[in-house]
Protein backbone atom coordinates (compact mmCIF):
# COMPACT_ATOMS: atom_id res chain seq x y z
CA UNK A 1 90.56 132.59 -40.47
CA UNK A 2 92.90 129.63 -40.87
CA UNK A 3 91.53 126.27 -39.75
CA UNK A 4 93.34 124.09 -37.23
CA UNK A 5 95.27 121.10 -38.59
CA UNK A 6 93.25 117.92 -39.19
CA UNK A 7 94.12 114.62 -37.54
CA UNK A 8 93.05 111.25 -38.91
CA UNK A 9 92.15 108.58 -36.29
CA UNK A 10 90.36 105.28 -36.20
CA UNK A 11 88.43 106.04 -33.02
CA UNK A 12 87.63 109.33 -31.34
CA UNK A 13 86.22 109.02 -27.79
CA UNK A 14 84.39 112.10 -26.51
CA UNK A 15 84.56 112.09 -22.71
CA UNK A 16 87.00 110.74 -20.15
CA UNK A 17 84.62 109.45 -17.51
CA UNK A 18 83.99 105.82 -16.58
CA UNK A 19 82.48 104.91 -19.99
CA UNK A 20 85.01 107.00 -21.93
CA UNK A 21 88.01 105.48 -20.20
CA UNK A 22 86.64 101.96 -20.74
CA UNK A 23 86.00 102.77 -24.39
CA UNK A 24 89.50 104.18 -24.82
CA UNK A 25 91.17 101.11 -23.26
CA UNK A 26 89.06 98.74 -25.39
CA UNK A 27 89.76 100.63 -28.60
CA UNK A 28 93.50 101.05 -27.83
CA UNK A 29 93.77 97.27 -27.48
CA UNK A 30 92.77 97.01 -31.17
CA UNK A 31 94.31 100.13 -32.79
CA UNK A 32 96.99 102.69 -31.98
CA UNK A 33 95.04 105.47 -33.70
CA UNK A 34 92.75 106.44 -30.81
CA UNK A 35 92.09 109.93 -29.47
CA UNK A 36 90.24 110.65 -26.19
CA UNK A 37 88.83 114.18 -25.94
CA UNK A 38 87.69 115.74 -22.63
CA UNK A 39 86.35 119.24 -22.31
CA UNK A 40 85.79 119.38 -18.56
CA UNK A 41 87.56 118.45 -15.32
CA UNK A 42 89.22 115.06 -15.36
CA UNK A 43 87.91 112.56 -12.84
CA UNK A 44 84.79 110.43 -13.13
CA UNK A 45 81.36 111.38 -11.81
CA UNK A 46 81.54 108.38 -9.47
CA UNK A 47 84.83 109.38 -7.85
CA UNK A 48 84.40 113.13 -7.80
CA UNK A 49 80.72 113.81 -7.01
CA UNK A 50 78.89 110.47 -7.04
CA UNK A 51 79.29 106.97 -5.66
CA UNK A 52 82.33 107.42 -3.46
CA UNK A 53 81.88 110.80 -1.73
CA UNK A 54 78.23 110.04 -1.11
CA UNK A 55 79.15 106.76 0.61
CA UNK A 56 81.65 108.63 2.74
CA UNK A 57 78.90 110.96 3.95
CA UNK A 58 76.51 108.00 4.44
CA UNK A 59 79.14 106.17 6.50
CA UNK A 60 79.52 109.17 8.80
CA UNK A 61 75.74 109.35 9.20
CA UNK A 62 75.56 105.65 10.04
CA UNK A 63 78.26 105.98 12.65
CA UNK A 64 76.41 108.85 14.37
CA UNK A 65 72.99 107.21 14.13
CA UNK A 66 74.00 103.81 15.51
CA UNK A 67 75.99 105.30 18.35
CA UNK A 68 73.03 107.51 19.25
CA UNK A 69 70.56 104.57 19.09
CA UNK A 70 72.63 101.98 20.96
CA UNK A 71 70.65 102.16 24.23
CA UNK A 72 68.42 99.12 23.44
CA UNK A 73 71.61 97.03 23.45
CA UNK A 74 72.52 98.36 26.91
CA UNK A 75 75.15 100.62 25.35
CA UNK A 76 74.81 104.31 26.23
CA UNK A 77 76.70 106.96 24.34
CA UNK A 78 76.68 110.73 23.96
CA UNK A 79 77.08 111.72 20.30
CA UNK A 80 78.58 114.98 19.10
CA UNK A 81 78.93 115.58 15.36
CA UNK A 82 81.70 117.92 14.20
CA UNK A 83 80.55 119.03 10.74
CA UNK A 84 83.98 120.31 9.75
CA UNK A 85 85.66 117.01 10.63
CA UNK A 86 82.96 115.08 8.75
CA UNK A 87 83.39 117.10 5.56
CA UNK A 88 87.18 117.14 5.90
CA UNK A 89 87.25 113.32 5.76
CA UNK A 90 84.73 113.27 2.91
CA UNK A 91 86.88 115.62 0.82
CA UNK A 92 90.21 113.95 1.73
CA UNK A 93 89.01 110.48 0.81
CA UNK A 94 87.16 111.82 -2.24
CA UNK A 95 90.38 113.39 -3.47
CA UNK A 96 92.18 110.10 -2.93
CA UNK A 97 89.70 108.25 -5.10
CA UNK A 98 89.85 110.99 -7.77
CA UNK A 99 93.63 110.72 -7.63
CA UNK A 100 93.50 107.10 -8.79
CA UNK A 101 91.40 108.15 -11.79
CA UNK A 102 93.72 111.02 -12.64
CA UNK A 103 96.69 108.69 -12.40
CA UNK A 104 95.11 106.35 -14.96
CA UNK A 105 94.49 109.30 -17.30
CA UNK A 106 98.09 110.55 -16.86
CA UNK A 107 99.30 107.10 -17.97
CA UNK A 108 97.59 107.51 -21.32
CA UNK A 109 100.08 108.59 -24.02
CA UNK A 110 99.98 112.32 -24.69
CA UNK A 111 99.27 111.87 -28.36
CA UNK A 112 96.16 109.82 -27.42
CA UNK A 113 94.39 112.56 -25.47
CA UNK A 114 93.30 116.12 -26.02
CA UNK A 115 91.73 118.67 -23.67
CA UNK A 116 89.01 120.61 -25.41
CA UNK A 117 85.34 120.59 -26.35
CA UNK A 118 84.43 118.39 -29.30
CA UNK A 119 81.65 119.15 -31.71
CA UNK A 120 80.44 117.31 -34.82
CA UNK A 121 80.57 119.38 -38.00
CA UNK A 122 79.78 116.41 -40.30
CA UNK A 123 79.47 112.64 -39.85
CA UNK A 124 82.80 111.44 -38.52
CA UNK A 125 84.27 114.96 -38.44
CA UNK A 126 84.92 116.86 -35.21
CA UNK A 127 86.16 120.32 -34.30
CA UNK A 128 87.83 120.68 -30.93
CA UNK A 129 87.78 124.10 -29.26
CA UNK A 130 89.73 125.31 -26.25
CA UNK A 131 88.26 127.07 -23.17
CA UNK A 132 88.55 130.40 -24.98
CA UNK A 133 86.57 129.08 -27.95
CA UNK A 134 89.65 128.96 -30.17
CA UNK A 135 89.77 126.08 -32.60
CA UNK A 136 92.51 123.70 -31.51
CA UNK A 137 92.21 120.82 -33.92
CA UNK A 138 90.01 119.12 -36.47
CA UNK A 139 89.58 115.37 -36.27
CA UNK A 140 88.35 112.97 -38.90
CA UNK A 141 87.44 109.66 -37.27
CA UNK A 142 86.48 106.36 -38.81
CA UNK A 143 84.18 105.92 -35.79
CA UNK A 144 83.23 107.99 -32.74
CA UNK A 145 82.21 107.02 -29.19
CA UNK A 146 80.06 109.57 -27.36
CA UNK A 147 80.69 109.21 -23.60
CA UNK A 148 79.93 112.71 -22.36
CA UNK A 149 78.26 111.70 -19.09
CA UNK A 150 75.48 113.60 -17.32
CA UNK A 151 74.82 116.63 -15.12
CA UNK A 152 72.27 117.39 -12.38
CA UNK A 153 68.91 118.66 -13.63
CA UNK A 154 67.38 121.75 -11.93
CA UNK A 155 63.65 122.41 -12.63
CA UNK A 156 62.71 126.02 -13.52
CA UNK A 157 60.77 126.50 -10.26
CA UNK A 158 64.05 126.91 -8.38
CA UNK A 159 65.28 129.88 -10.42
CA UNK A 160 64.11 132.30 -7.73
CA UNK A 161 66.37 130.70 -5.08
CA UNK A 162 69.45 130.00 -7.21
CA UNK A 163 71.67 131.81 -4.68
CA UNK A 164 70.72 129.25 -2.02
CA UNK A 165 70.36 126.31 -4.37
CA UNK A 166 72.77 123.40 -4.50
CA UNK A 167 72.87 120.14 -6.46
CA UNK A 168 74.37 116.90 -5.24
CA UNK A 169 77.69 117.79 -6.91
CA UNK A 170 78.00 120.84 -4.60
CA UNK A 171 77.48 118.96 -1.35
CA UNK A 172 81.01 117.55 -1.33
CA UNK A 173 82.56 121.02 -1.56
CA UNK A 174 81.07 122.03 1.80
CA UNK A 175 83.67 122.79 4.48
CA UNK A 176 81.10 122.24 7.22
CA UNK A 177 77.59 120.87 7.52
CA UNK A 178 74.72 123.35 7.22
CA UNK A 179 72.09 123.74 9.96
CA UNK A 180 69.18 122.86 7.68
CA UNK A 181 68.44 121.62 4.15
CA UNK A 182 65.28 121.00 2.13
CA UNK A 183 65.92 118.13 -0.23
CA UNK A 184 63.89 117.98 -3.46
CA UNK A 185 63.78 114.54 -5.08
CA UNK A 186 63.11 111.19 -3.40
CA UNK A 187 65.05 109.17 -5.90
CA UNK A 188 68.30 107.39 -5.09
CA UNK A 189 70.41 110.55 -4.68
CA UNK A 190 67.84 112.46 -2.62
CA UNK A 191 67.19 109.51 -0.28
CA UNK A 192 70.87 108.79 0.28
CA UNK A 193 71.97 112.36 0.91
CA UNK A 194 68.81 113.29 2.82
CA UNK A 195 69.11 110.44 5.30
CA UNK A 196 72.87 110.96 5.73
CA UNK A 197 72.41 114.68 6.47
CA UNK A 198 69.51 114.02 8.84
CA UNK A 199 71.56 111.47 10.77
CA UNK A 200 74.37 113.98 11.09
CA UNK A 201 72.08 116.43 12.83
CA UNK A 202 71.03 118.61 9.88
CA UNK A 203 67.36 119.65 10.09
CA UNK A 204 65.94 118.18 6.89
CA UNK A 205 62.71 117.64 4.99
CA UNK A 206 62.62 115.54 1.84
CA UNK A 207 60.10 116.39 -0.89
CA UNK A 208 59.50 113.80 -3.59
CA UNK A 209 57.22 113.75 -6.60
CA UNK A 210 54.46 111.34 -7.67
CA UNK A 211 55.13 109.02 -4.74
CA UNK A 212 58.67 108.09 -5.86
CA UNK A 213 60.77 106.22 -3.29
CA UNK A 214 64.19 105.45 -4.79
CA UNK A 215 63.95 103.12 -7.78
CA UNK A 216 61.13 101.00 -6.31
CA UNK A 217 58.11 100.15 -8.46
CA UNK A 218 56.51 97.45 -6.22
CA UNK A 219 53.77 99.11 -4.13
CA UNK A 220 54.24 96.79 -1.16
CA UNK A 221 57.99 97.17 -1.01
CA UNK A 222 57.68 100.92 -1.55
CA UNK A 223 55.23 101.25 1.35
CA UNK A 224 57.52 99.34 3.69
CA UNK A 225 60.50 101.50 2.75
CA UNK A 226 58.55 104.73 3.22
CA UNK A 227 57.30 103.64 6.66
CA UNK A 228 60.87 102.84 7.71
CA UNK A 229 62.24 106.18 6.49
CA UNK A 230 59.50 108.07 8.26
CA UNK A 231 60.55 106.59 11.56
CA UNK A 232 63.60 108.85 11.50
CA UNK A 233 63.07 111.66 9.01
CA UNK A 234 60.35 113.77 7.43
CA UNK A 235 59.54 112.46 3.93
CA UNK A 236 56.86 113.86 1.62
CA UNK A 237 56.86 111.49 -1.40
CA UNK A 238 54.14 113.37 -3.22
CA UNK A 239 55.75 116.75 -2.72
CA UNK A 240 52.94 119.08 -1.83
CA UNK A 241 55.15 122.17 -2.32
CA UNK A 242 53.23 125.22 -3.50
CA UNK A 243 55.97 127.87 -3.27
CA UNK A 244 59.74 128.15 -3.04
CA UNK A 245 61.07 131.64 -2.48
CA UNK A 246 64.14 133.38 -1.07
CA UNK A 247 64.18 134.44 2.57
CA UNK A 248 66.62 136.35 4.76
CA UNK A 249 67.77 133.14 6.40
CA UNK A 250 67.85 131.05 3.23
CA UNK A 251 64.93 129.43 1.36
CA UNK A 252 61.28 129.60 2.42
CA UNK A 253 59.16 126.57 1.48
CA UNK A 254 55.35 126.51 1.56
CA UNK A 255 53.97 122.97 1.58
CA UNK A 256 51.17 120.72 2.69
CA UNK A 257 52.26 118.69 5.70
CA UNK A 258 51.41 115.05 6.25
CA UNK A 259 48.42 116.02 8.45
CA UNK A 260 46.94 118.07 5.58
CA UNK A 261 47.77 121.49 7.02
CA UNK A 262 49.71 124.14 5.08
CA UNK A 263 53.05 125.03 6.61
CA UNK A 264 55.86 127.46 5.90
CA UNK A 265 59.40 126.49 6.84
CA UNK A 266 62.77 128.10 6.17
CA UNK A 267 65.94 126.17 5.36
CA UNK A 268 69.52 127.28 4.87
CA UNK A 269 69.72 125.54 1.48
CA UNK A 270 67.55 123.88 -1.14
CA UNK A 271 69.27 120.70 -2.31
CA UNK A 272 67.83 119.72 -5.67
CA UNK A 273 68.24 116.04 -6.44
CA UNK A 274 65.73 115.84 -9.29
CA UNK A 275 67.79 113.49 -11.44
CA UNK A 276 70.49 113.98 -14.04
CA UNK A 277 70.42 114.75 -17.76
CA UNK A 278 72.78 113.53 -20.45
CA UNK A 279 75.48 116.03 -21.54
CA UNK A 280 74.53 116.17 -25.20
CA UNK A 281 73.99 119.88 -25.80
CA UNK A 282 76.61 121.67 -27.81
CA UNK A 283 78.26 118.62 -29.39
CA UNK A 284 76.52 119.04 -32.75
CA UNK A 285 74.46 115.86 -32.78
CA UNK A 286 72.36 117.27 -35.62
CA UNK A 287 75.53 117.14 -37.78
CA UNK A 288 76.55 113.60 -36.75
CA UNK A 289 74.30 111.79 -39.21
CA UNK A 290 72.38 110.00 -36.47
CA UNK A 291 68.71 109.82 -35.51
CA UNK A 292 67.50 111.50 -32.32
CA UNK A 293 64.43 110.58 -30.30
CA UNK A 294 61.89 113.06 -28.91
CA UNK A 295 64.22 113.90 -25.99
CA UNK A 296 67.16 114.61 -28.28
CA UNK A 297 68.96 111.37 -27.33
CA UNK A 298 70.53 109.29 -30.09
CA UNK A 299 68.61 106.15 -31.03
CA UNK A 300 70.91 103.19 -30.49
CA UNK A 301 71.13 99.39 -30.14
CA UNK A 302 71.80 98.63 -26.46
CA UNK A 303 73.61 95.39 -27.25
CA UNK A 304 76.16 97.02 -29.59
CA UNK A 305 75.82 100.66 -28.45
CA UNK A 306 75.69 101.59 -32.16
CA UNK A 307 73.64 104.64 -33.13
CA UNK A 308 71.08 104.57 -35.96
CA UNK A 309 70.61 107.03 -38.80
CA UNK A 310 67.34 108.58 -39.96
CA UNK A 311 66.55 105.44 -42.02
CA UNK A 312 67.19 103.14 -39.07
CA UNK A 313 70.50 101.94 -40.48
CA UNK A 314 73.62 101.46 -38.34
CA UNK A 315 76.23 104.23 -38.26
CA UNK A 316 79.85 104.58 -37.15
CA UNK A 317 78.81 106.46 -34.00
CA UNK A 318 78.49 104.67 -30.64
CA UNK A 319 77.17 106.01 -27.34
CA UNK A 320 77.98 104.72 -23.84
CA UNK A 321 77.43 105.49 -20.15
CA UNK A 322 75.17 108.21 -18.76
CA UNK A 323 75.12 109.92 -22.17
CA UNK A 324 72.68 107.33 -23.53
CA UNK A 325 70.37 107.61 -20.50
CA UNK A 326 69.78 103.86 -20.46
CA UNK A 327 71.01 102.40 -17.13
CA UNK A 328 73.01 105.18 -15.38
CA UNK A 329 75.10 103.00 -13.09
CA UNK A 330 78.90 102.82 -12.89
CA UNK A 331 79.28 99.10 -13.66
CA UNK A 332 76.90 99.50 -16.61
CA UNK A 333 78.92 102.51 -17.87
CA UNK A 334 82.11 100.42 -17.70
CA UNK A 335 80.49 97.56 -19.60
CA UNK A 336 79.01 99.88 -22.20
CA UNK A 337 82.31 101.68 -22.67
CA UNK A 338 84.10 98.40 -23.34
CA UNK A 339 81.43 97.25 -25.82
CA UNK A 340 81.38 100.60 -27.63
CA UNK A 341 85.17 100.92 -27.73
CA UNK A 342 85.69 97.43 -29.17
CA UNK A 343 82.96 97.87 -31.75
CA UNK A 344 84.19 101.32 -32.73
CA UNK A 345 87.73 100.00 -33.24
CA UNK A 346 86.53 97.02 -35.29
CA UNK A 347 83.86 98.91 -37.24
CA UNK A 348 82.16 97.84 -39.50
CA UNK A 349 82.57 94.41 -37.82
CA UNK A 350 80.23 95.01 -34.92
CA UNK A 351 79.14 92.36 -32.39
CA UNK A 352 76.69 92.32 -29.50
CA UNK A 353 78.31 92.58 -26.08
CA UNK A 354 77.31 91.12 -22.74
CA UNK A 355 74.58 93.11 -21.01
CA UNK A 356 74.31 91.86 -17.45
CA UNK A 357 71.16 91.38 -15.41
CA UNK A 358 69.96 94.57 -13.77
CA UNK A 359 71.49 95.23 -10.35
CA UNK A 360 70.69 98.51 -8.60
CA UNK A 361 71.36 99.38 -4.95
CA UNK A 362 70.39 102.40 -2.84
CA UNK A 363 72.63 102.81 0.22
CA UNK A 364 70.03 104.01 2.67
CA UNK A 365 68.86 102.22 5.82
CA UNK A 366 66.96 100.12 5.12
CA UNK A 367 68.85 99.53 1.91
CA UNK A 368 66.89 99.30 -1.35
CA UNK A 369 67.82 96.89 -4.13
CA UNK A 370 66.51 95.68 -7.45
CA UNK A 371 67.77 92.55 -9.27
CA UNK A 372 66.54 91.32 -12.63
CA UNK A 373 63.13 92.41 -13.78
CA UNK A 374 61.19 95.03 -11.80
CA UNK A 375 57.57 94.75 -10.63
CA UNK A 376 56.57 97.43 -13.15
CA UNK A 377 58.28 95.80 -16.11
CA UNK A 378 56.63 92.45 -15.33
CA UNK A 379 53.24 94.09 -14.88
CA UNK A 380 53.61 95.76 -18.27
CA UNK A 381 54.80 92.58 -19.95
CA UNK A 382 51.39 91.22 -20.86
CA UNK A 383 51.59 87.96 -18.90
CA UNK A 384 51.35 89.27 -15.35
CA UNK A 385 48.98 86.45 -14.42
CA UNK A 386 51.92 84.09 -14.95
CA UNK A 387 54.01 85.91 -12.29
CA UNK A 388 53.94 84.81 -8.64
CA UNK A 389 55.32 86.86 -5.78
CA UNK A 390 57.21 85.50 -2.81
CA UNK A 391 57.47 87.76 0.24
CA UNK A 392 59.63 88.15 3.31
CA UNK A 393 59.08 90.70 6.05
CA UNK A 394 62.28 91.58 7.85
CA UNK A 395 60.39 92.71 10.97
CA UNK A 396 60.69 89.31 12.65
CA UNK A 397 63.58 87.90 10.63
CA UNK A 398 66.08 86.46 13.11
CA UNK A 399 69.40 88.16 12.31
CA UNK A 400 67.67 91.42 11.37
CA UNK A 401 66.00 91.53 14.80
CA UNK A 402 69.27 90.72 16.55
CA UNK A 403 70.82 93.76 14.93
CA UNK A 404 67.70 95.91 15.53
CA UNK A 405 67.63 96.60 11.80
CA UNK A 406 64.36 94.70 11.35
CA UNK A 407 62.54 96.94 8.91
CA UNK A 408 61.34 96.48 5.35
CA UNK A 409 59.92 93.89 2.98
CA UNK A 410 61.37 91.89 0.08
CA UNK A 411 59.52 90.52 -2.91
CA UNK A 412 60.84 87.93 -5.38
CA UNK A 413 59.11 87.26 -8.70
CA UNK A 414 58.88 83.91 -10.48
CA UNK A 415 57.14 82.40 -13.49
CA UNK A 416 54.12 80.44 -12.36
CA UNK A 417 54.59 77.41 -14.62
CA UNK A 418 58.31 77.21 -15.31
CA UNK A 419 59.40 78.29 -11.84
CA UNK A 420 62.14 80.50 -13.30
CA UNK A 421 63.31 83.38 -11.11
CA UNK A 422 62.37 86.67 -12.86
CA UNK A 423 63.48 89.45 -10.53
CA UNK A 424 63.16 91.07 -7.13
CA UNK A 425 62.61 94.36 -5.31
CA UNK A 426 63.83 94.63 -1.73
CA UNK A 427 63.87 97.07 1.15
CA UNK A 428 65.70 95.66 4.14
CA UNK A 429 68.91 95.35 6.15
CA UNK A 430 72.10 94.89 4.13
CA UNK A 431 70.21 93.78 1.02
CA UNK A 432 73.15 94.86 -1.15
CA UNK A 433 74.49 91.35 -0.52
CA UNK A 434 71.22 89.53 -1.20
CA UNK A 435 70.78 91.56 -4.38
CA UNK A 436 74.10 90.27 -5.77
CA UNK A 437 73.01 86.66 -5.22
CA UNK A 438 69.70 87.39 -6.93
CA UNK A 439 71.33 89.14 -9.91
CA UNK A 440 73.65 86.17 -10.38
CA UNK A 441 70.69 83.79 -10.17
CA UNK A 442 68.78 85.87 -12.73
CA UNK A 443 71.67 86.00 -15.15
CA UNK A 444 72.06 82.20 -14.89
CA UNK A 445 68.29 81.81 -15.43
CA UNK A 446 67.89 79.66 -12.30
CA UNK A 447 64.55 78.35 -11.08
CA UNK A 448 63.24 78.94 -7.57
CA UNK A 449 63.80 75.24 -6.77
CA UNK A 450 67.45 75.50 -7.87
CA UNK A 451 67.94 78.60 -5.71
CA UNK A 452 66.39 76.82 -2.70
CA UNK A 453 68.85 73.97 -3.21
CA UNK A 454 71.72 76.41 -2.47
CA UNK A 455 73.22 76.53 1.07
CA UNK A 456 71.88 79.06 3.58
CA UNK A 457 73.81 79.61 6.83
CA UNK A 458 72.23 80.37 10.22
CA UNK A 459 71.73 83.00 11.51
CA UNK A 460 72.10 85.39 8.57
CA UNK A 461 69.86 87.92 6.84
CA UNK A 462 69.97 85.72 3.74
CA UNK A 463 67.60 83.35 5.52
CA UNK A 464 65.02 86.01 4.79
CA UNK A 465 65.65 85.41 1.11
CA UNK A 466 64.95 81.73 1.63
CA UNK A 467 61.63 82.65 3.25
CA UNK A 468 60.66 84.64 0.16
CA UNK A 469 61.79 81.86 -2.16
CA UNK A 470 59.78 79.27 -0.23
CA UNK A 471 56.71 81.55 -0.41
CA UNK A 472 57.17 81.84 -4.19
CA UNK A 473 57.68 78.06 -4.53
CA UNK A 474 54.35 77.42 -2.79
CA UNK A 475 52.59 79.38 -5.56
CA UNK A 476 54.29 77.76 -8.55
CA UNK A 477 52.20 75.26 -10.50
CA UNK A 478 53.96 71.89 -10.13
CA UNK A 479 54.18 69.82 -13.26
């Protein structure tokens, strides 16, 4: 069998998602010999099945919930949710966002992109196959960027109900809302989709695992968030599910309820939001000349995104975005793609890129946010006695109470002797905005005193941040 023709390039980018596109643009600014290879459907995870369509569903849920709960303001409304209209808007706007991504891909020169599945056959050598498995081309690259993204993970226990099982990617293909859904996974995706569906009138139970509530690691903040969620939906953070099996009407779940009794309940669908896994199978990593960890993920330097070989030496392979399973967030994927693309194009002249302070937001109500170091990372750091915690409860915080969104707690962490701000975990109203301020402060290595010297308007939710900062300041050892 005759082999496909071989193409020589400086940089081959595997994947055309957020990280892959950023890597391509960065590499193309340095060299013309760049090839971007995509084996799936064009359009990023964020635009097609992630950030944007989920926020459209969340926005619909918020509109219904706040209209239905306006009576305390003296505003009385009758709410009717049309599931077809809800999903029609979700899909229309989703397609609009995807369209922008597709347009950017269409603007890439044809000789810079190839549709097919790439696989390493030797270090720096790739074979690209078409959908039918036919070999389309062989590529020899001076450096390679792996940006293959991730896919939803489905635990084996759900094999019996696969006909009634959906993952978060499937939700946005619905033409109407279902009558009932059991959501498995209390991480960011499960919480966001579960609350949105519940607010839109879908009968819902949310089953977590090991007490997980979003990305929170601080026990106090986690408890406040769980209490707030339980005011409006049924959440089982420790799971308690003993059986999942098919039923005539959908999926039958046997579980231990919050009162300790065993219950059996049937749902139209099981929505599995048990996290995502990097798309690394089938790309021949064992032939790439790089070292893999126990999970089969390449070992790499997170400042350069450069993969290591078996001896711990740097290679010409770089990995960015969800594929490296480091910080699976869109803005991180874009940063990583840029760093990897520039370094791949300039290889072997590799430099460390800017890795920003951690900023993670969950778009529930109350919102959840993390900025800088987490409670768990500080506790594991070995000097936890040097960490002080400042707290604000949003229950009686002025603006929060005005809006009747006065739920949750926020904790800020500071170094006891230097006063430097270390990080924060928050559950409260509109904390997406507070989290940005805190991430900026963390990246600038500000002290609590310097943060308190900043202006705070009245009445705003950010005054709650000032309360937490003042509490932290009272615990700092003054020199």
